[in-house]
Amino acid sequence: MNRKRPSIRKFKGFHLLSLGLLILGISFIIWSSFEIYGNKVSMSAPIIPIKEQLETVNLPSISNEVGEKKILYPIRPTVGEDIGSLTIPALNQTIPIFHGTDEDELKRGIGHFAQSVLPGENDNSVLSGHRDTVFRKLGQLKLQDQLIVKTSAGVFTYEIKEIKIVDQYDKTIITPTDDAVLTVTTCYPFDFIGSAPDRYILIADLINSEIF
C-alpha cells in the first residue's frame, strides 16, 4: 500500500507558523527585559522632595517690599547740626530742631536727644526745649493734637496720645518703644521761678509719613 507523502504546502505553512511564534516569543522576552530593567531603574532613583524640585526651577525674581526697612538717614547728623523743624498747628508754631540737647542747641531751638532715634524711625525719638522760650505754650496742647516733624528724610505727622507730668529724674520718657513714637519734654511748672522740679511730657504716635 502506498503512503501519501505530506504536501510541501502543509510543510511550508507549518514552518511559517513556527517561525512566527518564535519571533513573537523572542519579542516578548525582549519587551519583558526592558520592562523589568525600567522598573528597577525607577525604583532605585532617588525621590526628590517637592521643595527641592521647585528650587531647581528658574522662576522670575519677584521683588517683595513688604517688611523691608528703608534707611531714612544714610548719614547720621553731628551734634549741633540743624536736622529739621517741628510744626505745631494748634499753636501756629514752627520751630527748628538741632541734634543734641546741650545748652548750645537749646538756645537755638528744640534739641533732639542724640541717644534716641531720629524722627520717622521706629522707636522713641525724644525732643526737648525750654519752657520759657520755644515751649512756652506747650501746656495748651490737647490729646489728638498733631506734631509735624520735617527732616531730610521726609515729613512725619504724630498725634498726641498721652500728656503727663513726671519727676525730673524720671528716665522712662527715654526708654525704647516698639513703634515710632515722638516724645516732647520741657520743664514744669511753666511759671516756676528757678530750676523746675518736674517735666511736662507729650507722647505722640506716628500716624503718617511722607518719605522724600
C-alpha atoms as a PDB file:
ATOM      1  CA  MET A   1       0.000   0.000   0.000  1.00  0.00           C
ATOM      2  CA  ASN A   2       1.382   3.396  -0.953  1.00  0.00           C
ATOM      3  CA  ARG A   3       1.522   6.016   1.831  1.00  0.00           C
ATOM      4  CA  LYS A   4       0.709   9.616   0.967  1.00  0.00           C
ATOM      5  CA  ARG A   5       3.623  11.954   1.442  1.00  0.00           C
ATOM      6  CA  PRO A   6       2.820  15.283   3.237  1.00  0.00           C
ATOM      7  CA  SER A   7       2.405  18.038   0.811  1.00  0.00           C
ATOM      8  CA  ILE A   8       5.064  20.740   0.524  1.00  0.00           C
ATOM      9  CA  ARG A   9       2.375  23.383   1.083  1.00  0.00           C
ATOM     10  CA  LYS A  10       1.480  21.996   4.524  1.00  0.00           C
ATOM     11  CA  PHE A  11       5.130  21.806   5.436  1.00  0.00           C
ATOM     12  CA  LYS A  12       5.730  25.407   4.460  1.00  0.00           C
ATOM     13  CA  GLY A  13       2.642  26.534   6.392  1.00  0.00           C
ATOM     14  CA  PHE A  14       3.800  24.781   9.492  1.00  0.00           C
ATOM     15  CA  HIS A  15       7.267  26.247   9.101  1.00  0.00           C
ATOM     16  CA  LEU A  16       5.948  29.824   8.792  1.00  0.00           C
ATOM     17  CA  LEU A  17       3.687  29.373  11.818  1.00  0.00           C
ATOM     18  CA  SER A  18       6.588  28.086  13.912  1.00  0.00           C
ATOM     19  CA  LEU A  19       8.796  30.953  12.760  1.00  0.00           C
ATOM     20  CA  GLY A  20       6.083  33.485  13.662  1.00  0.00           C
ATOM     21  CA  LEU A  21       5.636  32.006  17.103  1.00  0.00           C
ATOM     22  CA  LEU A  22       9.405  32.045  17.604  1.00  0.00           C
ATOM     23  CA  ILE A  23       9.670  35.702  16.639  1.00  0.00           C
ATOM     24  CA  LEU A  24       6.719  36.590  18.877  1.00  0.00           C
ATOM     25  CA  GLY A  25       8.310  34.740  21.801  1.00  0.00           C
ATOM     26  CA  ILE A  26      11.648  36.497  21.319  1.00  0.00           C
ATOM     27  CA  SER A  27       9.879  39.866  21.109  1.00  0.00           C
ATOM     28  CA  PHE A  28       8.020  39.147  24.322  1.00  0.00           C
ATOM     29  CA  ILE A  29      11.234  38.209  26.112  1.00  0.00           C
ATOM     30  CA  ILE A  30      12.965  41.399  24.921  1.00  0.00           C
ATOM     31  CA  TRP A  31       9.993  43.573  25.920  1.00  0.00           C
ATOM     32  CA  SER A  32       9.823  41.905  29.346  1.00  0.00           C
ATOM     33  CA  SER A  33      13.535  42.508  29.888  1.00  0.00           C
ATOM     34  CA  PHE A  34      13.216  46.209  29.125  1.00  0.00           C
ATOM     35  CA  GLU A  35      10.163  46.491  31.362  1.00  0.00           C
ATOM     36  CA  ILE A  36      11.905  44.799  34.306  1.00  0.00           C
ATOM     37  CA  TYR A  37      15.038  46.921  33.798  1.00  0.00           C
ATOM     38  CA  GLY A  38      12.999  50.093  33.606  1.00  0.00           C
ATOM     39  CA  ASN A  39      11.164  49.262  36.814  1.00  0.00           C
ATOM     40  CA  LYS A  40      14.464  48.590  38.588  1.00  0.00           C
ATOM     41  CA  VAL A  41      15.870  51.918  37.451  1.00  0.00           C
ATOM     42  CA  SER A  42      12.781  53.824  38.556  1.00  0.00           C
ATOM     43  CA  MET A  43      12.755  52.033  41.908  1.00  0.00           C
ATOM     44  CA  SER A  44      16.434  52.820  42.541  1.00  0.00           C
ATOM     45  CA  ALA A  45      16.206  56.511  41.524  1.00  0.00           C
ATOM     46  CA  PRO A  46      16.238  58.948  44.496  1.00  0.00           C
ATOM     47  CA  ILE A  47      12.951  60.624  45.407  1.00  0.00           C
ATOM     48  CA  ILE A  48      13.365  64.429  45.211  1.00  0.00           C
ATOM     49  CA  PRO A  49      11.125  66.392  47.593  1.00  0.00           C
ATOM     50  CA  ILE A  50       8.718  68.873  46.019  1.00  0.00           C
ATOM     51  CA  LYS A  51      10.504  71.772  47.722  1.00  0.00           C
ATOM     52  CA  GLU A  52      13.831  70.829  46.091  1.00  0.00           C
ATOM     53  CA  GLN A  53      12.179  70.338  42.753  1.00  0.00           C
ATOM     54  CA  LEU A  54      10.739  73.839  42.887  1.00  0.00           C
ATOM     55  CA  GLU A  55      14.106  75.263  43.859  1.00  0.00           C
ATOM     56  CA  THR A  56      15.640  73.912  40.682  1.00  0.00           C
ATOM     57  CA  VAL A  57      13.116  75.754  38.511  1.00  0.00           C
ATOM     58  CA  ASN A  58      14.317  79.117  37.242  1.00  0.00           C
ATOM     59  CA  LEU A  59      11.350  81.284  38.166  1.00  0.00           C
ATOM     60  CA  PRO A  60      11.389  85.033  37.535  1.00  0.00           C
ATOM     61  CA  SER A  61      12.571  87.054  40.518  1.00  0.00           C
ATOM     62  CA  ILE A  62       9.765  88.826  42.395  1.00  0.00           C
ATOM     63  CA  SER A  63      10.607  91.854  44.482  1.00  0.00           C
ATOM     64  CA  ASN A  64       8.670  91.849  47.743  1.00  0.00           C
ATOM     65  CA  GLU A  65       8.915  95.170  49.536  1.00  0.00           C
ATOM     66  CA  VAL A  66       6.671  94.138  52.410  1.00  0.00           C
ATOM     67  CA  GLY A  67       8.641  94.207  55.673  1.00  0.00           C
ATOM     68  CA  GLU A  68      11.712  95.759  54.052  1.00  0.00           C
ATOM     69  CA  LYS A  69      13.109  98.546  56.213  1.00  0.00           C
ATOM     70  CA  LYS A  70      14.028 101.722  54.372  1.00  0.00           C
ATOM     71  CA  ILE A  71      17.051 103.569  55.712  1.00  0.00           C
ATOM     72  CA  LEU A  72      15.738 107.077  56.328  1.00  0.00           C
ATOM     73  CA  TYR A  73      19.065 108.610  57.305  1.00  0.00           C
ATOM     74  CA  PRO A  74      22.053 107.099  55.451  1.00  0.00           C
ATOM     75  CA  ILE A  75      24.234 109.801  57.027  1.00  0.00           C
ATOM     76  CA  ARG A  76      23.698 110.465  60.711  1.00  0.00           C
ATOM     77  CA  PRO A  77      23.798 114.093  61.910  1.00  0.00           C
ATOM     78  CA  THR A  78      26.503 115.514  64.126  1.00  0.00           C
ATOM     79  CA  VAL A  79      25.865 117.349  67.391  1.00  0.00           C
ATOM     80  CA  GLY A  80      24.771 120.916  66.766  1.00  0.00           C
ATOM     81  CA  GLU A  81      23.535 120.217  63.238  1.00  0.00           C
ATOM     82  CA  ASP A  82      20.160 121.570  62.112  1.00  0.00           C
ATOM     83  CA  ILE A  83      18.110 118.423  61.361  1.00  0.00           C
ATOM     84  CA  GLY A  84      14.700 119.922  60.574  1.00  0.00           C
ATOM     85  CA  SER A  85      11.733 121.576  62.198  1.00  0.00           C
ATOM     86  CA  LEU A  86       8.726 120.900  64.404  1.00  0.00           C
ATOM     87  CA  THR A  87       5.397 122.414  63.376  1.00  0.00           C
ATOM     88  CA  ILE A  88       2.603 122.613  65.959  1.00  0.00           C
ATOM     89  CA  PRO A  89      -0.590 123.507  64.032  1.00  0.00           C
ATOM     90  CA  ALA A  90      -2.671 124.117  67.175  1.00  0.00           C
ATOM     91  CA  LEU A  91      -0.178 126.786  68.308  1.00  0.00           C
ATOM     92  CA  ASN A  92       0.630 128.100  64.828  1.00  0.00           C
ATOM     93  CA  GLN A  93       4.336 127.484  65.523  1.00  0.00           C
ATOM     94  CA  THR A  94       7.264 126.138  63.506  1.00  0.00           C
ATOM     95  CA  ILE A  95      10.493 125.673  65.469  1.00  0.00           C
ATOM     96  CA  PRO A  96      13.935 124.493  64.245  1.00  0.00           C
ATOM     97  CA  ILE A  97      15.362 121.228  65.613  1.00  0.00           C
ATOM     98  CA  PHE A  98      19.070 120.728  66.353  1.00  0.00           C
ATOM     99  CA  HIS A  99      20.872 117.462  67.057  1.00  0.00           C
ATOM    100  CA  GLY A 100      21.820 117.389  70.725  1.00  0.00           C
ATOM    101  CA  THR A 101      20.335 118.724  73.953  1.00  0.00           C
ATOM    102  CA  ASP A 102      23.191 120.790  75.358  1.00  0.00           C
ATOM    103  CA  GLU A 103      22.578 124.432  76.155  1.00  0.00           C
ATOM    104  CA  ASP A 104      24.090 125.451  72.801  1.00  0.00           C
ATOM    105  CA  GLU A 105      21.315 123.587  70.936  1.00  0.00           C
ATOM    106  CA  LEU A 106      18.516 124.606  73.335  1.00  0.00           C
ATOM    107  CA  LYS A 107      19.356 128.287  72.922  1.00  0.00           C
ATOM    108  CA  ARG A 108      18.788 127.982  69.176  1.00  0.00           C
ATOM    109  CA  GLY A 109      15.567 125.978  69.238  1.00  0.00           C
ATOM    110  CA  ILE A 110      14.453 122.434  70.039  1.00  0.00           C
ATOM    111  CA  GLY A 111      17.080 119.833  70.911  1.00  0.00           C
ATOM    112  CA  HIS A 112      16.983 116.229  69.699  1.00  0.00           C
ATOM    113  CA  PHE A 113      18.255 113.772  72.308  1.00  0.00           C
ATOM    114  CA  ALA A 114      21.223 112.266  70.433  1.00  0.00           C
ATOM    115  CA  GLN A 115      20.879 108.809  72.021  1.00  0.00           C
ATOM    116  CA  SER A 116      17.345 108.409  70.652  1.00  0.00           C
ATOM    117  CA  VAL A 117      16.296 107.540  67.100  1.00  0.00           C
ATOM    118  CA  LEU A 118      15.726 110.274  64.543  1.00  0.00           C
ATOM    119  CA  PRO A 119      12.168 111.404  63.688  1.00  0.00           C
ATOM    120  CA  GLY A 120      10.318 108.916  61.472  1.00  0.00           C
ATOM    121  CA  GLU A 121      12.336 105.911  62.607  1.00  0.00           C
ATOM    122  CA  ASN A 122      10.855 103.069  64.645  1.00  0.00           C
ATOM    123  CA  ASP A 123      11.419 103.581  68.364  1.00  0.00           C
ATOM    124  CA  ASN A 124      11.327 106.596  70.668  1.00  0.00           C
ATOM    125  CA  SER A 125      12.523 109.921  69.240  1.00  0.00           C
ATOM    126  CA  VAL A 126      12.956 112.479  72.044  1.00  0.00           C
ATOM    127  CA  LEU A 127      12.797 116.270  71.651  1.00  0.00           C
ATOM    128  CA  SER A 128      13.457 118.807  74.403  1.00  0.00           C
ATOM    129  CA  GLY A 129      13.029 122.573  74.707  1.00  0.00           C
ATOM    130  CA  HIS A 130      12.954 125.360  77.243  1.00  0.00           C
ATOM    131  CA  ARG A 131       9.595 126.125  78.893  1.00  0.00           C
ATOM    132  CA  ASP A 132      10.229 129.876  78.768  1.00  0.00           C
ATOM    133  CA  THR A 133      11.157 130.046  75.070  1.00  0.00           C
ATOM    134  CA  VAL A 134      10.186 127.545  72.338  1.00  0.00           C
ATOM    135  CA  PHE A 135       7.799 125.520  74.532  1.00  0.00           C
ATOM    136  CA  ARG A 136       6.179 128.378  76.416  1.00  0.00           C
ATOM    137  CA  LYS A 137       2.701 127.411  75.099  1.00  0.00           C
ATOM    138  CA  LEU A 138       3.165 123.628  75.200  1.00  0.00           C
ATOM    139  CA  GLY A 139       0.656 123.322  78.065  1.00  0.00           C
ATOM    140  CA  GLN A 140      -2.145 124.471  75.733  1.00  0.00           C
ATOM    141  CA  LEU A 141      -1.988 121.307  73.631  1.00  0.00           C
ATOM    142  CA  LYS A 142      -4.592 118.563  73.987  1.00  0.00           C
ATOM    143  CA  LEU A 143      -4.875 114.884  73.171  1.00  0.00           C
ATOM    144  CA  GLN A 144      -5.122 114.202  69.397  1.00  0.00           C
ATOM    145  CA  ASP A 145      -3.392 117.475  68.516  1.00  0.00           C
ATOM    146  CA  GLN A 146      -0.744 116.945  65.858  1.00  0.00           C
ATOM    147  CA  LEU A 147       3.011 117.430  65.869  1.00  0.00           C
ATOM    148  CA  ILE A 148       4.600 117.563  62.405  1.00  0.00           C
ATOM    149  CA  VAL A 149       8.334 116.989  62.031  1.00  0.00           C
ATOM    150  CA  LYS A 150      10.104 117.781  58.774  1.00  0.00           C
ATOM    151  CA  THR A 151      13.629 116.455  58.174  1.00  0.00           C
ATOM    152  CA  SER A 152      15.863 115.499  55.252  1.00  0.00           C
ATOM    153  CA  ALA A 153      14.101 112.108  55.200  1.00  0.00           C
ATOM    154  CA  GLY A 154      10.527 113.357  54.889  1.00  0.00           C
ATOM    155  CA  VAL A 155       7.537 114.800  56.728  1.00  0.00           C
ATOM    156  CA  PHE A 156       6.327 112.818  59.747  1.00  0.00           C
ATOM    157  CA  THR A 157       2.982 113.524  61.400  1.00  0.00           C
ATOM    158  CA  TYR A 158       2.443 112.456  65.001  1.00  0.00           C
ATOM    159  CA  GLU A 159      -0.727 112.563  67.097  1.00  0.00           C
ATOM    160  CA  ILE A 160      -0.603 113.202  70.839  1.00  0.00           C
ATOM    161  CA  LYS A 161      -1.853 110.138  72.713  1.00  0.00           C
ATOM    162  CA  GLU A 162      -0.694 110.953  76.263  1.00  0.00           C
ATOM    163  CA  ILE A 163       0.143 114.011  78.356  1.00  0.00           C
ATOM    164  CA  LYS A 164       1.788 113.549  81.725  1.00  0.00           C
ATOM    165  CA  ILE A 165       3.953 115.210  84.358  1.00  0.00           C
ATOM    166  CA  VAL A 166       6.909 113.313  85.837  1.00  0.00           C
ATOM    167  CA  ASP A 167       9.755 113.949  88.223  1.00  0.00           C
ATOM    168  CA  GLN A 168      12.871 115.481  86.686  1.00  0.00           C
ATOM    169  CA  TYR A 169      14.793 112.250  87.395  1.00  0.00           C
ATOM    170  CA  ASP A 170      12.243 110.001  85.683  1.00  0.00           C
ATOM    171  CA  LYS A 171      14.071 108.205  82.848  1.00  0.00           C
ATOM    172  CA  THR A 172      11.057 106.297  81.474  1.00  0.00           C
ATOM    173  CA  ILE A 173      10.491 109.036  78.908  1.00  0.00           C
ATOM    174  CA  ILE A 174      13.617 107.966  77.024  1.00  0.00           C
ATOM    175  CA  THR A 175      13.051 104.207  77.124  1.00  0.00           C
ATOM    176  CA  PRO A 176      12.790 102.329  73.773  1.00  0.00           C
ATOM    177  CA  THR A 177       9.379 101.683  72.205  1.00  0.00           C
ATOM    178  CA  ASP A 178       8.135  99.089  69.716  1.00  0.00           C
ATOM    179  CA  ASP A 179       6.612 101.628  67.324  1.00  0.00           C
ATOM    180  CA  ALA A 180       7.567 105.061  66.010  1.00  0.00           C
ATOM    181  CA  VAL A 181       6.916 107.495  68.867  1.00  0.00           C
ATOM    182  CA  LEU A 182       7.748 111.156  69.402  1.00  0.00           C
ATOM    183  CA  THR A 183       8.341 112.247  72.998  1.00  0.00           C
ATOM    184  CA  VAL A 184       8.407 116.009  73.647  1.00  0.00           C
ATOM    185  CA  THR A 185       9.639 117.210  77.011  1.00  0.00           C
ATOM    186  CA  THR A 186      10.107 120.525  78.831  1.00  0.00           C
ATOM    187  CA  CYS A 187      10.485 121.706  82.397  1.00  0.00           C
ATOM    188  CA  TYR A 188       7.400 122.120  84.601  1.00  0.00           C
ATOM    189  CA  PRO A 189       5.668 124.130  86.097  1.00  0.00           C
ATOM    190  CA  PHE A 190       5.770 126.629  83.252  1.00  0.00           C
ATOM    191  CA  ASP A 191       5.679 129.656  85.574  1.00  0.00           C
ATOM    192  CA  PHE A 192       8.113 128.251  88.139  1.00  0.00           C
ATOM    193  CA  ILE A 193      10.943 130.613  89.131  1.00  0.00           C
ATOM    194  CA  GLY A 194      14.322 128.857  89.151  1.00  0.00           C
ATOM    195  CA  SER A 195      15.112 125.228  88.324  1.00  0.00           C
ATOM    196  CA  ALA A 196      11.761 123.482  87.840  1.00  0.00           C
ATOM    197  CA  PRO A 197      11.416 120.166  89.721  1.00  0.00           C
ATOM    198  CA  ASP A 198       9.241 118.320  87.161  1.00  0.00           C
ATOM    199  CA  ARG A 199       8.943 117.577  83.448  1.00  0.00           C
ATOM    200  CA  TYR A 200       5.948 118.112  81.176  1.00  0.00           C
ATOM    201  CA  ILE A 201       5.706 115.257  78.678  1.00  0.00           C
ATOM    202  CA  LEU A 202       3.839 114.812  75.394  1.00  0.00           C
ATOM    203  CA  ILE A 203       3.853 111.319  73.869  1.00  0.00           C
ATOM    204  CA  ALA A 204       2.688 111.098  70.250  1.00  0.00           C
ATOM    205  CA  ASP A 205       2.285 108.194  67.821  1.00  0.00           C
ATOM    206  CA  LEU A 206       3.383 108.370  64.180  1.00  0.00           C
ATOM    207  CA  ILE A 207       0.230 108.415  62.029  1.00  0.00           C
ATOM    208  CA  ASN A 208       1.593 109.437  58.629  1.00  0.00           C
ATOM    209  CA  SER A 209       4.909 109.521  56.772  1.00  0.00           C
ATOM    210  CA  GLU A 210       5.796 111.294  53.545  1.00  0.00           C
ATOM    211  CA  ILE A 211       9.216 109.940  52.613  1.00  0.00           C
ATOM    212  CA  PHE A 212      11.404 112.060  50.351  1.00  0.00           C
END
